[in-house]
Amino acid sequence: MEERTCLECGEPLKGRADKKFCDDACRNSYNNRQNSDANNYVRNVHYVLRKNRRILEELNPEGTTKAHRSKLVEKGFDFDYHTSMYTTKAGATYLFCYEYGYLPIEGDMMVLVKKKEYEN
């Protein structure tokens, strides 16, 4: 019978026939390495989304307001990232970062909103 070895460190395995790792440290190390590329990408995107949300929250403490696009850009807002879109019956499309959103209107102005179901 062929000797089984740990997928991470290569040490011989003892115990259950379906065992793949010698201990939890090797299992965690193996899985972290397998997922590192995906984790870095997701981590970076999530960082941008959280930053966008914080900016919208800071500029919109009352729940609805207007702000100039340059104000968002100045604070580091990235318009390429959002979590959802909502199109009204009139055809206006709001872009959201979690519960905070914005609607581009005339003259580089933005209507900033907060979804009602998230208000206290």
C-alpha atoms as a PDB file:
ATOM      1  CA  MET A   1       0.000   0.000   0.000  1.00  0.00           C
ATOM      2  CA  GLU A   2       1.263   3.453  -0.952  1.00  0.00           C
ATOM      3  CA  GLU A   3       2.220   5.712   1.953  1.00  0.00           C
ATOM      4  CA  ARG A   4       0.113   8.864   2.141  1.00  0.00           C
ATOM      5  CA  THR A   5       1.796  12.208   2.796  1.00  0.00           C
ATOM      6  CA  CYS A   6       0.648  15.634   3.982  1.00  0.00           C
ATOM      7  CA  LEU A   7      -0.305  17.872   1.053  1.00  0.00           C
ATOM      8  CA  GLU A   8       1.526  20.795   2.682  1.00  0.00           C
ATOM      9  CA  CYS A   9       4.730  19.504   4.258  1.00  0.00           C
ATOM     10  CA  GLY A  10       5.074  16.016   2.778  1.00  0.00           C
ATOM     11  CA  GLU A  11       5.317  14.228   6.142  1.00  0.00           C
ATOM     12  CA  PRO A  12       3.828  10.698   6.325  1.00  0.00           C
ATOM     13  CA  LEU A  13       0.199  10.615   7.480  1.00  0.00           C
ATOM     14  CA  LYS A  14      -1.105   8.359  10.221  1.00  0.00           C
ATOM     15  CA  GLY A  15      -4.738   7.852  11.120  1.00  0.00           C
ATOM     16  CA  ARG A  16      -7.861   8.062   9.023  1.00  0.00           C
ATOM     17  CA  ALA A  17      -7.736   6.864   5.427  1.00  0.00           C
ATOM     18  CA  ASP A  18      -9.126  10.179   4.104  1.00  0.00           C
ATOM     19  CA  LYS A  19      -6.695  12.375   6.054  1.00  0.00           C
ATOM     20  CA  LYS A  20      -4.861  14.926   3.849  1.00  0.00           C
ATOM     21  CA  PHE A  21      -2.854  16.998   6.350  1.00  0.00           C
ATOM     22  CA  CYS A  22      -0.741  16.152   9.367  1.00  0.00           C
ATOM     23  CA  ASP A  23      -2.206  18.959  11.517  1.00  0.00           C
ATOM     24  CA  ASP A  24      -4.328  22.110  11.501  1.00  0.00           C
ATOM     25  CA  ALA A  25      -1.335  24.371  10.805  1.00  0.00           C
ATOM     26  CA  CYS A  26      -0.532  22.526   7.567  1.00  0.00           C
ATOM     27  CA  ARG A  27      -4.212  22.508   6.548  1.00  0.00           C
ATOM     28  CA  ASN A  28      -4.515  26.269   7.172  1.00  0.00           C
ATOM     29  CA  SER A  29      -1.242  27.042   5.410  1.00  0.00           C
ATOM     30  CA  TYR A  30      -2.234  24.969   2.365  1.00  0.00           C
ATOM     31  CA  ASN A  31      -5.703  26.553   2.100  1.00  0.00           C
ATOM     32  CA  ASN A  32      -4.357  30.085   2.625  1.00  0.00           C
ATOM     33  CA  ARG A  33      -1.842  29.580  -0.178  1.00  0.00           C
ATOM     34  CA  GLN A  34      -4.531  28.124  -2.492  1.00  0.00           C
ATOM     35  CA  ASN A  35      -6.795  31.134  -1.909  1.00  0.00           C
ATOM     36  CA  SER A  36      -4.215  33.928  -1.691  1.00  0.00           C
ATOM     37  CA  ASP A  37      -4.708  35.360  -5.210  1.00  0.00           C
ATOM     38  CA  ALA A  38      -8.478  35.440  -4.898  1.00  0.00           C
ATOM     39  CA  ASN A  39      -8.252  36.800  -1.352  1.00  0.00           C
ATOM     40  CA  ASN A  40      -5.988  39.679  -2.408  1.00  0.00           C
ATOM     41  CA  TYR A  41      -8.328  40.720  -5.207  1.00  0.00           C
ATOM     42  CA  VAL A  42     -11.425  40.493  -3.014  1.00  0.00           C
ATOM     43  CA  ARG A  43      -9.644  42.321  -0.185  1.00  0.00           C
ATOM     44  CA  ASN A  44      -8.659  45.184  -2.519  1.00  0.00           C
ATOM     45  CA  VAL A  45     -12.153  45.529  -3.995  1.00  0.00           C
ATOM     46  CA  HIS A  46     -13.732  45.419  -0.545  1.00  0.00           C
ATOM     47  CA  TYR A  47     -11.325  48.152   0.639  1.00  0.00           C
ATOM     48  CA  VAL A  48     -12.427  50.431  -2.246  1.00  0.00           C
ATOM     49  CA  LEU A  49     -16.120  49.747  -1.571  1.00  0.00           C
ATOM     50  CA  ARG A  50     -15.751  50.482   2.150  1.00  0.00           C
ATOM     51  CA  LYS A  51     -13.875  53.702   1.372  1.00  0.00           C
ATOM     52  CA  ASN A  52     -16.604  54.770  -1.073  1.00  0.00           C
ATOM     53  CA  ARG A  53     -19.262  54.012   1.559  1.00  0.00           C
ATOM     54  CA  ARG A  54     -17.428  56.044   4.217  1.00  0.00           C
ATOM     55  CA  ILE A  55     -17.169  59.025   1.842  1.00  0.00           C
ATOM     56  CA  LEU A  56     -20.879  58.873   0.988  1.00  0.00           C
ATOM     57  CA  GLU A  57     -21.779  58.543   4.669  1.00  0.00           C
ATOM     58  CA  GLU A  58     -19.564  61.499   5.610  1.00  0.00           C
ATOM     59  CA  LEU A  59     -21.010  63.767   2.917  1.00  0.00           C
ATOM     60  CA  ASN A  60     -24.604  62.687   3.620  1.00  0.00           C
ATOM     61  CA  PRO A  61     -25.239  62.718   7.387  1.00  0.00           C
ATOM     62  CA  GLU A  62     -28.935  63.638   6.989  1.00  0.00           C
ATOM     63  CA  GLY A  63     -29.962  60.880   4.560  1.00  0.00           C
ATOM     64  CA  THR A  64     -30.420  63.012   1.425  1.00  0.00           C
ATOM     65  CA  THR A  65     -28.269  65.859   0.127  1.00  0.00           C
ATOM     66  CA  LYS A  66     -26.418  67.167  -2.921  1.00  0.00           C
ATOM     67  CA  ALA A  67     -22.669  67.326  -3.486  1.00  0.00           C
ATOM     68  CA  HIS A  68     -20.440  68.260  -6.399  1.00  0.00           C
ATOM     69  CA  ARG A  69     -18.619  65.393  -8.098  1.00  0.00           C
ATOM     70  CA  SER A  70     -15.272  67.087  -7.378  1.00  0.00           C
ATOM     71  CA  LYS A  71     -15.949  66.823  -3.617  1.00  0.00           C
ATOM     72  CA  LEU A  72     -16.211  63.034  -3.905  1.00  0.00           C
ATOM     73  CA  VAL A  73     -13.126  62.848  -6.131  1.00  0.00           C
ATOM     74  CA  GLU A  74     -11.172  65.040  -3.689  1.00  0.00           C
ATOM     75  CA  LYS A  75     -11.885  62.551  -0.900  1.00  0.00           C
ATOM     76  CA  GLY A  76     -10.769  59.606  -3.051  1.00  0.00           C
ATOM     77  CA  PHE A  77     -14.106  58.223  -4.260  1.00  0.00           C
ATOM     78  CA  ASP A  78     -13.743  55.594  -7.010  1.00  0.00           C
ATOM     79  CA  PHE A  79     -16.720  55.744  -9.393  1.00  0.00           C
ATOM     80  CA  ASP A  80     -15.819  52.375 -10.949  1.00  0.00           C
ATOM     81  CA  TYR A  81     -16.939  50.432  -7.862  1.00  0.00           C
ATOM     82  CA  HIS A  82     -20.440  50.042  -6.429  1.00  0.00           C
ATOM     83  CA  THR A  83     -22.462  47.205  -4.896  1.00  0.00           C
ATOM     84  CA  SER A  84     -25.828  47.709  -6.596  1.00  0.00           C
ATOM     85  CA  MET A  85     -27.920  49.842  -8.924  1.00  0.00           C
ATOM     86  CA  TYR A  86     -31.504  51.012  -8.626  1.00  0.00           C
ATOM     87  CA  THR A  87     -33.468  52.416 -11.549  1.00  0.00           C
ATOM     88  CA  THR A  88     -36.575  54.446 -10.746  1.00  0.00           C
ATOM     89  CA  LYS A  89     -39.781  54.332 -12.771  1.00  0.00           C
ATOM     90  CA  ALA A  90     -38.725  57.663 -14.281  1.00  0.00           C
ATOM     91  CA  GLY A  91     -35.507  56.053 -15.534  1.00  0.00           C
ATOM     92  CA  ALA A  92     -33.003  57.604 -13.088  1.00  0.00           C
ATOM     93  CA  THR A  93     -30.268  55.134 -12.061  1.00  0.00           C
ATOM     94  CA  TYR A  94     -28.860  55.356  -8.547  1.00  0.00           C
ATOM     95  CA  LEU A  95     -25.552  53.613  -7.823  1.00  0.00           C
ATOM     96  CA  PHE A  96     -25.044  52.243  -4.292  1.00  0.00           C
ATOM     97  CA  CYS A  97     -22.129  51.320  -2.060  1.00  0.00           C
ATOM     98  CA  TYR A  98     -24.007  49.162   0.418  1.00  0.00           C
ATOM     99  CA  GLU A  99     -26.818  51.372   1.802  1.00  0.00           C
ATOM    100  CA  TYR A 100     -25.425  54.732   0.599  1.00  0.00           C
ATOM    101  CA  GLY A 101     -26.013  55.790  -2.980  1.00  0.00           C
ATOM    102  CA  TYR A 102     -25.701  58.598  -5.474  1.00  0.00           C
ATOM    103  CA  LEU A 103     -27.431  59.817  -8.602  1.00  0.00           C
ATOM    104  CA  PRO A 104     -25.474  61.926 -11.101  1.00  0.00           C
ATOM    105  CA  ILE A 105     -27.515  64.973 -12.138  1.00  0.00           C
ATOM    106  CA  GLU A 106     -26.849  68.082 -14.228  1.00  0.00           C
ATOM    107  CA  GLY A 107     -23.683  70.136 -13.837  1.00  0.00           C
ATOM    108  CA  ASP A 108     -21.535  67.408 -12.239  1.00  0.00           C
ATOM    109  CA  MET A 109     -23.772  67.428  -9.180  1.00  0.00           C
ATOM    110  CA  MET A 110     -24.711  64.278  -7.275  1.00  0.00           C
ATOM    111  CA  VAL A 111     -27.806  63.537  -5.237  1.00  0.00           C
ATOM    112  CA  LEU A 112     -26.628  61.514  -2.247  1.00  0.00           C
ATOM    113  CA  VAL A 113     -29.131  59.167  -0.592  1.00  0.00           C
ATOM    114  CA  LYS A 114     -29.396  56.465   2.037  1.00  0.00           C
ATOM    115  CA  LYS A 115     -31.751  53.524   1.529  1.00  0.00           C
ATOM    116  CA  LYS A 116     -34.794  53.964   3.757  1.00  0.00           C
ATOM    117  CA  GLU A 117     -34.824  50.388   5.086  1.00  0.00           C
ATOM    118  CA  TYR A 118     -31.414  51.036   6.723  1.00  0.00           C
ATOM    119  CA  GLU A 119     -32.425  54.214   8.558  1.00  0.00           C
ATOM    120  CA  ASN A 120     -33.150  54.022  12.289  1.00  0.00           C
END
